[in-house]
Amino acid sequence: MKGTQPIRSNGQQPVRQPFSREALLEGISKQQAGIERLDRERGDARSQLAALQADLAWPESSRLRQPARVRDLAAAGDTDL
């Protein structure tokens, strides 16, 4: 686990060096940035899903051409269709 030291062969844990306040703040900042990035990606994925579901909801006769959202995703190189 990050932030802990391994147990010595004699079974005792070495004295743990505390992290500096700056290191902890930096770690927190990096984790928050990662969460924000994942939230944006999740929002994008939900939008793409909603667009695909809307395309699917059109009557079959209206889907003779490739739905615009699928065409846009394919043009962007999205291979997860």
C-alpha atoms as a PDB file:
ATOM      1  CA  MET A   1       0.000   0.000   0.000  1.00  0.00           C
ATOM      2  CA  LYS A   2       1.277   3.496  -0.762  1.00  0.00           C
ATOM      3  CA  GLY A   3       2.605   5.405   2.191  1.00  0.00           C
ATOM      4  CA  THR A   4       3.543   2.362   4.254  1.00  0.00           C
ATOM      5  CA  GLN A   5       6.815   0.571   4.535  1.00  0.00           C
ATOM      6  CA  PRO A   6       7.265  -3.204   4.277  1.00  0.00           C
ATOM      7  CA  ILE A   7       7.565  -5.323   7.393  1.00  0.00           C
ATOM      8  CA  ARG A   8      11.146  -6.260   8.230  1.00  0.00           C
ATOM      9  CA  SER A   9      12.222  -9.908   8.192  1.00  0.00           C
ATOM     10  CA  ASN A  10      12.214  -9.941  12.017  1.00  0.00           C
ATOM     11  CA  GLY A  11       8.483  -9.123  11.922  1.00  0.00           C
ATOM     12  CA  GLN A  12       8.794  -5.560  13.132  1.00  0.00           C
ATOM     13  CA  GLN A  13       7.741  -2.618  11.052  1.00  0.00           C
ATOM     14  CA  PRO A  14      10.396   0.019  10.562  1.00  0.00           C
ATOM     15  CA  VAL A  15       9.721   3.477  11.913  1.00  0.00           C
ATOM     16  CA  ARG A  16       7.504   5.173   9.353  1.00  0.00           C
ATOM     17  CA  GLN A  17       8.690   8.499   8.068  1.00  0.00           C
ATOM     18  CA  PRO A  18       5.738  10.904   8.017  1.00  0.00           C
ATOM     19  CA  PHE A  19       4.888  12.510   4.712  1.00  0.00           C
ATOM     20  CA  SER A  20       5.443  16.220   4.504  1.00  0.00           C
ATOM     21  CA  ARG A  21       2.394  18.465   4.380  1.00  0.00           C
ATOM     22  CA  GLU A  22       3.407  19.565   0.881  1.00  0.00           C
ATOM     23  CA  ALA A  23       3.625  15.969  -0.349  1.00  0.00           C
ATOM     24  CA  LEU A  24       0.193  15.204   1.081  1.00  0.00           C
ATOM     25  CA  LEU A  25      -1.313  18.318  -0.504  1.00  0.00           C
ATOM     26  CA  GLU A  26       0.259  17.414  -3.846  1.00  0.00           C
ATOM     27  CA  GLY A  27      -1.117  13.885  -3.615  1.00  0.00           C
ATOM     28  CA  ILE A  28      -4.580  15.200  -2.793  1.00  0.00           C
ATOM     29  CA  SER A  29      -4.421  17.638  -5.695  1.00  0.00           C
ATOM     30  CA  LYS A  30      -3.415  14.898  -8.138  1.00  0.00           C
ATOM     31  CA  GLN A  31      -6.242  12.635  -6.964  1.00  0.00           C
ATOM     32  CA  GLN A  32      -8.794  15.445  -7.246  1.00  0.00           C
ATOM     33  CA  ALA A  33      -7.612  16.198 -10.785  1.00  0.00           C
ATOM     34  CA  GLY A  34      -7.965  12.525 -11.657  1.00  0.00           C
ATOM     35  CA  ILE A  35     -11.504  12.442 -10.295  1.00  0.00           C
ATOM     36  CA  GLU A  36     -12.429  15.566 -12.276  1.00  0.00           C
ATOM     37  CA  ARG A  37     -11.031  13.989 -15.466  1.00  0.00           C
ATOM     38  CA  LEU A  38     -13.001  10.802 -14.860  1.00  0.00           C
ATOM     39  CA  ASP A  39     -16.171  12.829 -14.201  1.00  0.00           C
ATOM     40  CA  ARG A  40     -15.713  14.614 -17.562  1.00  0.00           C
ATOM     41  CA  GLU A  41     -15.136  11.300 -19.337  1.00  0.00           C
ATOM     42  CA  ARG A  42     -18.215   9.833 -17.662  1.00  0.00           C
ATOM     43  CA  GLY A  43     -20.286  12.822 -18.779  1.00  0.00           C
ATOM     44  CA  ASP A  44     -19.011  12.442 -22.347  1.00  0.00           C
ATOM     45  CA  ALA A  45     -19.798   8.724 -22.300  1.00  0.00           C
ATOM     46  CA  ARG A  46     -23.315   9.387 -21.001  1.00  0.00           C
ATOM     47  CA  SER A  47     -23.885  11.957 -23.757  1.00  0.00           C
ATOM     48  CA  GLN A  48     -22.694   9.518 -26.411  1.00  0.00           C
ATOM     49  CA  LEU A  49     -24.909   6.801 -24.948  1.00  0.00           C
ATOM     50  CA  ALA A  50     -27.950   9.107 -24.958  1.00  0.00           C
ATOM     51  CA  ALA A  51     -27.289  10.069 -28.592  1.00  0.00           C
ATOM     52  CA  LEU A  52     -26.985   6.433 -29.630  1.00  0.00           C
ATOM     53  CA  GLN A  53     -30.150   5.518 -27.734  1.00  0.00           C
ATOM     54  CA  ALA A  54     -31.989   8.402 -29.412  1.00  0.00           C
ATOM     55  CA  ASP A  55     -30.802   7.189 -32.824  1.00  0.00           C
ATOM     56  CA  LEU A  56     -32.003   3.693 -31.978  1.00  0.00           C
ATOM     57  CA  ALA A  57     -35.430   5.006 -30.958  1.00  0.00           C
ATOM     58  CA  TRP A  58     -36.136   6.310 -34.476  1.00  0.00           C
ATOM     59  CA  PRO A  59     -38.449   4.088 -36.528  1.00  0.00           C
ATOM     60  CA  GLU A  60     -36.578   1.553 -38.676  1.00  0.00           C
ATOM     61  CA  SER A  61     -37.678   3.261 -41.916  1.00  0.00           C
ATOM     62  CA  SER A  62     -36.061   6.495 -40.733  1.00  0.00           C
ATOM     63  CA  ARG A  63     -32.746   4.729 -40.096  1.00  0.00           C
ATOM     64  CA  LEU A  64     -32.050   3.763 -43.694  1.00  0.00           C
ATOM     65  CA  ARG A  65     -29.064   6.070 -43.569  1.00  0.00           C
ATOM     66  CA  GLN A  66     -26.428   5.713 -40.873  1.00  0.00           C
ATOM     67  CA  PRO A  67     -27.521   7.753 -37.813  1.00  0.00           C
ATOM     68  CA  ALA A  68     -25.634  11.032 -37.581  1.00  0.00           C
ATOM     69  CA  ARG A  69     -24.143  10.300 -34.155  1.00  0.00           C
ATOM     70  CA  VAL A  70     -22.737   6.929 -35.255  1.00  0.00           C
ATOM     71  CA  ARG A  71     -21.321   8.530 -38.397  1.00  0.00           C
ATOM     72  CA  ASP A  72     -19.702  11.287 -36.299  1.00  0.00           C
ATOM     73  CA  LEU A  73     -18.199   8.779 -33.870  1.00  0.00           C
ATOM     74  CA  ALA A  74     -16.868   6.641 -36.709  1.00  0.00           C
ATOM     75  CA  ALA A  75     -15.326   9.697 -38.363  1.00  0.00           C
ATOM     76  CA  ALA A  76     -13.637  10.574 -35.077  1.00  0.00           C
ATOM     77  CA  GLY A  77     -12.070   7.116 -34.977  1.00  0.00           C
ATOM     78  CA  ASP A  78     -14.177   5.787 -32.105  1.00  0.00           C
ATOM     79  CA  THR A  79     -13.895   2.016 -32.412  1.00  0.00           C
ATOM     80  CA  ASP A  80     -16.059   1.261 -29.373  1.00  0.00           C
ATOM     81  CA  LEU A  81     -19.306   1.266 -31.331  1.00  0.00           C
END
